[in-house]
Every structure is written in C-alpha cells, then in structure tokens.
C-alpha cells in the first residue's frame, strides 16, 4: 500500500504545480478537471499522512520494547503498540476505498424529473409526495432546490415535475434514486377501503456543464408560450415560457417557472444539455453494468426499485433487499438511512472488484 500511496503523492505534487500554470488556467475545461483531481488527491494524502504516522508509532514502539531496560517504559511502549495496531485496519480500509477511482459525475449538480405512472390521480398525488420528500431531504443536506417546470395533477400532486438541485456531491448521493417507485395504499378517492398500487418514475440526471455537451443552437427549435398555473399577473399574458426541441434527437426541454423569458430559456437549456449528456452517460452505464452489479439505473426506466407500503408502514428497496418500518418519517424526507445503505452496498461491491489490485 505504501507504494500505491507514493504514486499518489507524486501525482498530487504534479497537479499542484499544474493548476498554477497560466496555460492551464486559460483552459477552463482542463483547469476545472485538475482542480477536482487535486481535491480528491488531497483527501487521500491527508489520510495517508495519518497512516504513515501510525506506522511510525508502531516502529517506534517495537524498537523501544526491544531496546528499553526500564519496565515502565516497556509497558508504555506495549500500550502504544496495541493502540497503533488497532488503528491500522480501519485506516487501511478507508485508504483502499479512497484509492478506487471516483465517478467523475459524482460532484455534479442534478436535474430531477418525477413523472406520474400507472394509477391515475393517485399516481399524481404520489409524484407530489416524492417531490416533497426529495425537497425536504435536499434542504436538510444544505443543498439548493430550484423548480424548473411542473404539470399539476387534476386531484393534486403532479403529472410531471422537474427541479434542479445544487450543492456538494449531489449526483453521487442522488443517483441511486432513478427508477420506478411504487406506492401501496388506500387512495383518497377509494370508497371501499381497498389498497391500490400506483407508481411514479424518478430520473436523476447529472447537470452537464457547457464543455461536457456542446449544443449547436441552429439545431434547436425555440418556442415561446404563455405560462400556466400559479404565478401572478404574468401567467397567460406574456410569452415568458420557453420550449426547446433538439431536432437531431427529438429531445424536448421546457421551463415556465420564471417570469423572465431569458431565465426560463437558460433553465430549459440546462435541462436539454443534461438530457443529451445522459444519452452518452447511459452508454457508459450499460457498459459498466456488464462488468459490475450497479445500482444506478441506466436506460431502463421500467426498473422497480422501491415500494412504499402504507398499511404496513414499511419502505422496501428491492435492489438490496432492505426494509425499513419507518414510512412516515421517510416520506417526510428522512431518506438518509436508505441512501447510506445503498452507498455502502455499492462501495462494498467496488472494493470486492478492486480486490488485490489495491
């Protein structure tokens, strides 16, 4: 492991020198990439410094035990040796994980799309529940949530809602939420008290930077229309809402949340760019899926990932077989336990795959 860490130290010094070079600073794409690498390498070198310190303590204690004649000093050295050796396994495990190549998309902000699926009005209501659940969770994480577009259901909730989330490592945390979420409960409209099953689809897209996806605006049709829904005097009176259609792919993105046409176009462009970026990302995810058991949903949007059962007060994540009997708190935004268990499972898989190479 020391040999691996020496390579990391060497690269850390190289990157530290590179990011202060004028030609690198002038190349924004390269500069941002190197800054991210520098940040990741910093975490490893800090942990490596602690690891080397513990190894040094072990060596010092063993020397003292061999050479010291004072019984008290020998006893003290034995305690130091025991304590240091006890710290090694956890440190080595942490470093092994840090040495695994990080998904470059993990640091990105996200665009989240929630769509009502099977179940009519109840599916729209459930989509609204999921929107509130994610909004509360994101706010608790200290992330910023910004609505992009929505289409309200006739009995409440949303037929579709799209929002942006920005903060630290948002995609790395939220990416496991993509897929079909299923709810089992008695709908408000049900008079016989029967439990119905409805569904909503969640898509979490890493927000693409301009240098990730270059869009030729001559290939994009721009339509302006009046906003609908709540919004005050500007609704249905000014053409502030924007719809963008990428003609080569047929991908559509729109925004009507802002009163400013310019701001709506800016937000719609972010969504369009992220959807185009996702096309390329899905190809990579499908290739990765052939190599590993990934929890991140790629092109298959029909994958059922989680069930929220109200009669039993339980939430089950089908990918890892985890069931929590804490539905009321989870639906209010306390999904921390689910997220951490999914991350832990994926990290364990990565460590297994890395095996002896680390």
Protein backbone atom coordinates (compact mmCIF):
# COMPACT_ATOMS: atom_id res chain seq x y z
CA UNK A 1 0.00 0.00 0.00
CA UNK A 2 2.90 2.37 0.72
CA UNK A 3 4.00 2.02 -2.93
CA UNK A 4 0.49 2.99 -4.09
CA UNK A 5 0.49 5.99 -1.77
CA UNK A 6 3.87 7.16 -3.06
CA UNK A 7 2.40 7.25 -6.57
CA UNK A 8 -0.49 9.33 -5.21
CA UNK A 9 1.92 11.76 -3.51
CA UNK A 10 3.84 12.15 -6.76
CA UNK A 11 0.67 12.87 -8.75
CA UNK A 12 -0.54 15.27 -6.03
CA UNK A 13 2.65 17.34 -6.42
CA UNK A 14 2.33 17.28 -10.22
CA UNK A 15 -1.28 18.52 -10.13
CA UNK A 16 -0.40 21.19 -7.53
CA UNK A 17 2.21 22.53 -9.97
CA UNK A 18 -0.10 22.29 -12.99
CA UNK A 19 -3.02 24.29 -11.57
CA UNK A 20 -0.88 27.38 -11.15
CA UNK A 21 0.38 27.34 -14.74
CA UNK A 22 -1.06 30.22 -16.86
CA UNK A 23 -1.81 27.99 -19.89
CA UNK A 24 -3.79 25.58 -17.68
CA UNK A 25 -5.74 28.42 -16.04
CA UNK A 26 -6.58 29.73 -19.53
CA UNK A 27 -8.06 26.33 -20.48
CA UNK A 28 -11.17 26.30 -18.26
CA UNK A 29 -12.14 22.69 -19.01
CA UNK A 30 -8.68 21.38 -18.12
CA UNK A 31 -8.40 23.71 -15.11
CA UNK A 32 -11.72 22.51 -13.61
CA UNK A 33 -10.80 18.85 -14.16
CA UNK A 34 -7.41 19.29 -12.48
CA UNK A 35 -8.94 21.17 -9.56
CA UNK A 36 -11.35 18.29 -8.95
CA UNK A 37 -8.46 15.83 -9.14
CA UNK A 38 -6.45 17.98 -6.72
CA UNK A 39 -9.36 18.00 -4.24
CA UNK A 40 -9.69 14.19 -4.42
CA UNK A 41 -5.94 13.63 -4.09
CA UNK A 42 -5.86 15.98 -1.07
CA UNK A 43 -8.29 13.68 0.77
CA UNK A 44 -6.07 10.66 0.08
CA UNK A 45 -2.81 12.39 1.06
CA UNK A 46 -4.31 13.62 4.34
CA UNK A 47 -5.46 10.10 5.20
CA UNK A 48 -2.08 8.73 4.03
CA UNK A 49 -0.24 11.12 6.37
CA UNK A 50 -2.24 9.68 9.26
CA UNK A 51 -1.50 6.14 8.09
CA UNK A 52 2.25 6.83 7.89
CA UNK A 53 2.16 8.38 11.35
CA UNK A 54 0.57 5.22 12.78
CA UNK A 55 3.17 3.04 11.04
CA UNK A 56 5.89 5.24 12.52
CA UNK A 57 4.37 4.84 16.01
CA UNK A 58 4.39 1.05 15.58
CA UNK A 59 8.02 1.04 14.53
CA UNK A 60 8.97 3.33 17.42
CA UNK A 61 7.11 1.18 19.96
CA UNK A 62 8.67 -2.06 18.69
CA UNK A 63 12.17 -0.54 18.89
CA UNK A 64 11.52 0.65 22.45
CA UNK A 65 10.28 -2.80 23.52
CA UNK A 66 13.45 -4.40 22.13
CA UNK A 67 15.97 -1.90 23.47
CA UNK A 68 14.46 -0.33 26.61
CA UNK A 69 15.51 -1.76 30.01
CA UNK A 70 13.03 0.24 32.14
CA UNK A 71 9.95 -1.98 32.72
CA UNK A 72 7.60 1.04 32.90
CA UNK A 73 8.83 2.34 29.56
CA UNK A 74 8.43 -1.11 28.02
CA UNK A 75 4.88 -1.32 29.36
CA UNK A 76 4.11 2.11 27.95
CA UNK A 77 5.54 1.06 24.56
CA UNK A 78 3.38 -2.07 24.54
CA UNK A 79 0.26 0.05 25.13
CA UNK A 80 1.32 2.40 22.31
CA UNK A 81 1.89 -0.59 20.01
CA UNK A 82 -1.51 -2.10 20.81
CA UNK A 83 -3.29 1.22 20.22
CA UNK A 84 -1.48 1.87 16.93
CA UNK A 85 -2.11 -1.64 15.59
CA UNK A 86 -5.78 -1.24 16.50
CA UNK A 87 -5.99 1.86 14.28
CA UNK A 88 -4.44 0.21 11.20
CA UNK A 89 -7.36 -1.92 9.86
CA UNK A 90 -9.83 0.99 9.69
CA UNK A 91 -7.25 3.32 8.16
CA UNK A 92 -6.27 0.74 5.54
CA UNK A 93 -9.95 0.16 4.67
CA UNK A 94 -10.57 3.89 4.25
CA UNK A 95 -7.48 4.31 2.08
CA UNK A 96 -8.41 1.31 -0.09
CA UNK A 97 -11.76 2.92 -0.82
CA UNK A 98 -10.23 6.35 -1.48
CA UNK A 99 -7.81 4.76 -3.95
CA UNK A 100 -10.72 3.47 -6.03
CA UNK A 101 -11.30 5.80 -8.97
CA UNK A 102 -14.19 8.11 -8.16
CA UNK A 103 -17.05 8.53 -10.62
CA UNK A 104 -16.32 11.93 -12.21
CA UNK A 105 -20.08 12.67 -12.35
CA UNK A 106 -20.48 12.39 -8.55
CA UNK A 107 -19.55 16.02 -7.91
CA UNK A 108 -22.14 17.35 -10.34
CA UNK A 109 -25.41 19.09 -9.53
CA UNK A 110 -28.54 17.29 -10.77
CA UNK A 111 -31.78 17.73 -12.63
CA UNK A 112 -34.51 15.53 -11.12
CA UNK A 113 -37.60 14.58 -13.12
CA UNK A 114 -40.58 12.90 -11.43
CA UNK A 115 -43.44 11.60 -13.59
CA UNK A 116 -46.72 10.00 -12.52
CA UNK A 117 -47.01 6.45 -13.85
CA UNK A 118 -49.77 3.87 -13.56
CA UNK A 119 -52.55 4.72 -11.11
CA UNK A 120 -54.28 7.83 -12.48
CA UNK A 121 -54.91 10.59 -9.93
CA UNK A 122 -53.30 8.56 -7.15
CA UNK A 123 -50.06 8.32 -9.16
CA UNK A 124 -50.02 12.13 -9.49
CA UNK A 125 -50.59 12.53 -5.75
CA UNK A 126 -47.72 10.09 -5.09
CA UNK A 127 -45.44 12.02 -7.50
CA UNK A 128 -46.19 15.09 -5.37
CA UNK A 129 -45.29 13.14 -2.21
CA UNK A 130 -41.95 12.15 -3.75
CA UNK A 131 -41.26 15.75 -4.80
CA UNK A 132 -41.83 16.97 -1.22
CA UNK A 133 -39.75 14.06 0.16
CA UNK A 134 -36.76 14.93 -2.03
CA UNK A 135 -37.14 18.68 -1.49
CA UNK A 136 -37.03 18.23 2.30
CA UNK A 137 -34.08 15.81 2.11
CA UNK A 138 -32.11 18.17 -0.15
CA UNK A 139 -32.79 21.15 2.12
CA UNK A 140 -31.62 19.10 5.14
CA UNK A 141 -28.39 18.40 3.23
CA UNK A 142 -27.87 22.14 2.77
CA UNK A 143 -28.46 21.90 -0.99
CA UNK A 144 -30.35 24.46 -3.07
CA UNK A 145 -33.56 23.31 -4.80
CA UNK A 146 -34.97 25.23 -7.77
CA UNK A 147 -38.18 24.33 -9.63
CA UNK A 148 -37.82 24.17 -13.43
CA UNK A 149 -41.22 23.04 -14.69
CA UNK A 150 -44.35 21.30 -13.45
CA UNK A 151 -47.67 19.96 -14.70
CA UNK A 152 -50.14 19.60 -11.85
CA UNK A 153 -52.47 16.62 -11.46
CA UNK A 154 -56.25 17.08 -11.50
CA UNK A 155 -56.64 15.81 -7.91
CA UNK A 156 -53.33 17.20 -6.54
CA UNK A 157 -49.70 16.38 -6.89
CA UNK A 158 -48.03 16.41 -10.30
CA UNK A 159 -48.29 14.61 -13.61
CA UNK A 160 -44.72 15.78 -14.04
CA UNK A 161 -42.32 17.94 -12.04
CA UNK A 162 -38.73 18.89 -12.86
CA UNK A 163 -36.32 20.59 -10.47
CA UNK A 164 -32.61 21.36 -10.10
CA UNK A 165 -30.51 20.56 -7.02
CA UNK A 166 -27.13 22.19 -6.48
CA UNK A 167 -24.57 21.56 -3.73
CA UNK A 168 -21.66 19.27 -2.82
CA UNK A 169 -21.59 15.80 -4.42
CA UNK A 170 -25.32 15.87 -5.23
CA UNK A 171 -25.24 13.31 -8.07
CA UNK A 172 -23.05 10.96 -6.02
CA UNK A 173 -25.82 10.88 -3.41
CA UNK A 174 -28.98 11.15 -5.53
CA UNK A 175 -28.05 8.88 -8.45
CA UNK A 176 -29.46 5.77 -6.75
CA UNK A 177 -32.99 7.26 -6.81
CA UNK A 178 -33.52 6.74 -10.56
CA UNK A 179 -36.18 4.15 -11.37
CA UNK A 180 -39.79 3.25 -10.64
CA UNK A 181 -41.12 4.00 -7.15
CA UNK A 182 -44.27 2.10 -6.21
CA UNK A 183 -46.85 3.03 -3.55
CA UNK A 184 -49.42 0.72 -1.95
CA UNK A 185 -52.19 2.49 -0.02
CA UNK A 186 -55.91 3.29 0.06
CA UNK A 187 -56.41 6.25 -2.31
CA UNK A 188 -58.39 9.29 -1.17
CA UNK A 189 -60.95 8.52 -3.89
CA UNK A 190 -61.42 4.86 -2.83
CA UNK A 191 -64.78 4.31 -1.09
CA UNK A 192 -64.42 0.58 -0.38
CA UNK A 193 -61.16 0.90 1.59
CA UNK A 194 -59.20 -1.23 -0.87
CA UNK A 195 -55.43 -0.89 -1.18
CA UNK A 196 -54.31 0.22 -4.65
CA UNK A 197 -50.86 0.09 -6.23
CA UNK A 198 -49.65 3.17 -8.12
CA UNK A 199 -46.26 4.24 -9.42
CA UNK A 200 -44.10 7.21 -10.32
CA UNK A 201 -40.84 7.31 -12.26
CA UNK A 202 -37.84 9.26 -10.96
CA UNK A 203 -34.95 10.29 -13.22
CA UNK A 204 -31.80 11.87 -11.75
CA UNK A 205 -29.62 13.47 -14.43
CA UNK A 206 -26.15 14.85 -13.73
CA UNK A 207 -26.21 18.51 -14.73
CA UNK A 208 -23.95 18.92 -17.74
CA UNK A 209 -21.51 21.80 -17.99
CA UNK A 210 -21.16 23.69 -21.24
CA UNK A 211 -17.89 21.91 -22.02
CA UNK A 212 -19.49 18.49 -21.33
CA UNK A 213 -22.03 18.94 -24.13
CA UNK A 214 -21.71 21.40 -26.97
CA UNK A 215 -25.11 22.28 -28.39
CA UNK A 216 -25.40 23.74 -31.88
CA UNK A 217 -28.25 26.22 -31.39
CA UNK A 218 -29.03 26.10 -35.11
CA UNK A 219 -30.28 22.54 -34.41
CA UNK A 220 -32.56 23.70 -31.59
CA UNK A 221 -36.10 24.95 -32.25
CA UNK A 222 -37.16 27.58 -29.71
CA UNK A 223 -40.87 28.10 -28.95
CA UNK A 224 -42.27 30.74 -26.62
CA UNK A 225 -45.68 30.41 -24.97
CA UNK A 226 -47.74 31.70 -22.05
CA UNK A 227 -47.09 30.19 -18.62
CA UNK A 228 -49.86 28.19 -16.97
CA UNK A 229 -50.59 27.59 -13.30
CA UNK A 230 -49.85 29.83 -10.29
CA UNK A 231 -47.59 32.80 -10.88
CA UNK A 232 -49.48 36.06 -10.64
CA UNK A 233 -50.23 38.59 -13.36
CA UNK A 234 -47.68 37.32 -15.88
CA UNK A 235 -49.48 33.97 -16.22
CA UNK A 236 -51.34 33.61 -19.54
CA UNK A 237 -50.48 37.21 -20.50
CA UNK A 238 -46.81 37.16 -21.54
CA UNK A 239 -44.85 34.70 -23.65
CA UNK A 240 -42.29 34.00 -20.93
CA UNK A 241 -42.38 30.19 -21.02
CA UNK A 242 -39.78 28.52 -23.26
CA UNK A 243 -39.73 25.15 -25.00
CA UNK A 244 -36.55 23.88 -26.65
CA UNK A 245 -36.55 20.99 -29.14
CA UNK A 246 -33.24 19.40 -30.15
CA UNK A 247 -34.15 18.37 -33.69
CA UNK A 248 -31.43 15.69 -34.26
CA UNK A 249 -32.60 13.68 -31.22
CA UNK A 250 -36.16 14.94 -30.71
CA UNK A 251 -35.39 15.71 -27.07
CA UNK A 252 -37.60 18.46 -25.61
CA UNK A 253 -36.98 20.65 -22.56
CA UNK A 254 -39.12 23.50 -21.29
CA UNK A 255 -39.32 25.92 -18.39
CA UNK A 256 -42.07 28.28 -17.25
CA UNK A 257 -41.18 28.76 -13.60
CA UNK A 258 -39.52 32.17 -14.00
CA UNK A 259 -41.26 35.40 -15.08
CA UNK A 260 -38.26 36.25 -17.26
CA UNK A 261 -38.17 34.67 -20.72
CA UNK A 262 -34.35 34.80 -20.63
CA UNK A 263 -34.16 32.94 -17.29
CA UNK A 264 -36.63 30.31 -18.48
CA UNK A 265 -34.55 29.75 -21.63
CA UNK A 266 -31.41 29.42 -19.51
CA UNK A 267 -33.03 26.79 -17.27
CA UNK A 268 -34.51 24.88 -20.21
CA UNK A 269 -31.08 24.83 -21.85
CA UNK A 270 -29.60 23.29 -18.68
CA UNK A 271 -32.22 20.53 -18.78
CA UNK A 272 -31.67 19.94 -22.52
CA UNK A 273 -27.92 19.76 -22.05
CA UNK A 274 -28.33 17.31 -19.14
CA UNK A 275 -30.66 15.07 -21.16
CA UNK A 276 -28.20 14.97 -24.06
CA UNK A 277 -25.37 14.25 -21.63
CA UNK A 278 -27.45 11.43 -20.15
CA UNK A 279 -27.63 9.72 -23.56
CA UNK A 280 -23.86 9.38 -23.56
CA UNK A 281 -23.76 8.52 -19.86
CA UNK A 282 -26.27 5.69 -20.36
CA UNK A 283 -23.95 4.07 -22.90
CA UNK A 284 -21.21 4.11 -20.26
CA UNK A 285 -23.56 2.79 -17.56
CA UNK A 286 -24.67 -0.06 -19.81
CA UNK A 287 -21.02 -0.97 -20.44
CA UNK A 288 -20.33 -0.81 -16.71
CA UNK A 289 -23.40 -2.95 -15.99
CA UNK A 290 -21.79 -5.76 -17.98
CA UNK A 291 -18.81 -5.61 -15.62
CA UNK A 292 -20.48 -4.97 -12.29
CA UNK A 293 -23.73 -5.15 -10.37
CA UNK A 294 -24.52 -1.43 -10.49
CA UNK A 295 -27.38 0.10 -8.50
CA UNK A 296 -27.51 3.10 -10.80
CA UNK A 297 -30.34 2.81 -13.30
CA UNK A 298 -29.29 3.39 -16.90
CA UNK A 299 -31.60 3.36 -19.92
CA UNK A 300 -34.18 1.01 -18.37
CA UNK A 301 -36.78 3.29 -16.76
CA UNK A 302 -39.08 0.35 -16.00
CA UNK A 303 -36.85 -0.99 -13.23
CA UNK A 304 -38.88 -1.12 -9.99
CA UNK A 305 -36.52 -0.01 -7.25
CA UNK A 306 -38.62 0.78 -4.18
CA UNK A 307 -42.06 0.15 -2.63
CA UNK A 308 -43.79 2.39 -0.08
CA UNK A 309 -46.43 0.28 1.70
CA UNK A 310 -48.72 2.42 3.87
CA UNK A 311 -50.85 -0.33 5.56
CA UNK A 312 -47.66 -1.94 6.92
CA UNK A 313 -45.77 1.36 7.39
CA UNK A 314 -42.78 -0.01 5.51
CA UNK A 315 -40.43 1.01 2.72
CA UNK A 316 -38.57 -1.71 0.80
CA UNK A 317 -35.63 -1.13 -1.53
CA UNK A 318 -35.71 -4.14 -3.86
CA UNK A 319 -32.13 -3.78 -5.13
CA UNK A 320 -30.52 -4.53 -1.78
CA UNK A 321 -33.45 -6.24 -0.02
CA UNK A 322 -33.64 -3.55 2.67
CA UNK A 323 -36.94 -2.99 4.50
CA UNK A 324 -37.44 -0.14 6.97
CA UNK A 325 -40.59 0.23 9.07
CA UNK A 326 -40.38 4.00 9.19
CA UNK A 327 -42.53 5.11 6.27
CA UNK A 328 -43.98 8.25 7.89
CA UNK A 329 -40.54 9.77 8.52
CA UNK A 330 -39.11 8.59 5.19
CA UNK A 331 -41.90 10.16 3.13
CA UNK A 332 -41.29 13.40 5.06
CA UNK A 333 -37.71 13.48 3.78
CA UNK A 334 -35.73 11.28 6.18
CA UNK A 335 -34.22 9.03 3.48
CA UNK A 336 -30.73 9.23 4.96
CA UNK A 337 -30.70 5.57 6.07
CA UNK A 338 -31.76 4.36 2.60
CA UNK A 339 -29.14 6.50 0.86
CA UNK A 340 -26.34 5.39 3.20
CA UNK A 341 -27.21 1.68 2.84
CA UNK A 342 -27.22 1.99 -0.96
CA UNK A 343 -23.86 3.77 -0.90
CA UNK A 344 -22.41 1.17 1.48
CA UNK A 345 -23.56 -1.69 -0.75
CA UNK A 346 -22.11 -0.08 -3.88
CA UNK A 347 -18.83 0.76 -2.13
CA UNK A 348 -18.52 -2.82 -0.88
CA UNK A 349 -19.05 -4.08 -4.44
CA UNK A 350 -16.31 -1.73 -5.68
CA UNK A 351 -13.90 -2.95 -3.01
CA UNK A 352 -14.58 -6.55 -3.96
CA UNK A 353 -13.93 -5.79 -7.61
CA UNK A 354 -10.77 -3.88 -6.81
CA UNK A 355 -9.53 -6.89 -4.83
CA UNK A 356 -5.81 -7.34 -4.71
CA UNK A 357 -5.09 -4.51 -7.18
CA UNK A 358 -5.18 -2.16 -4.17
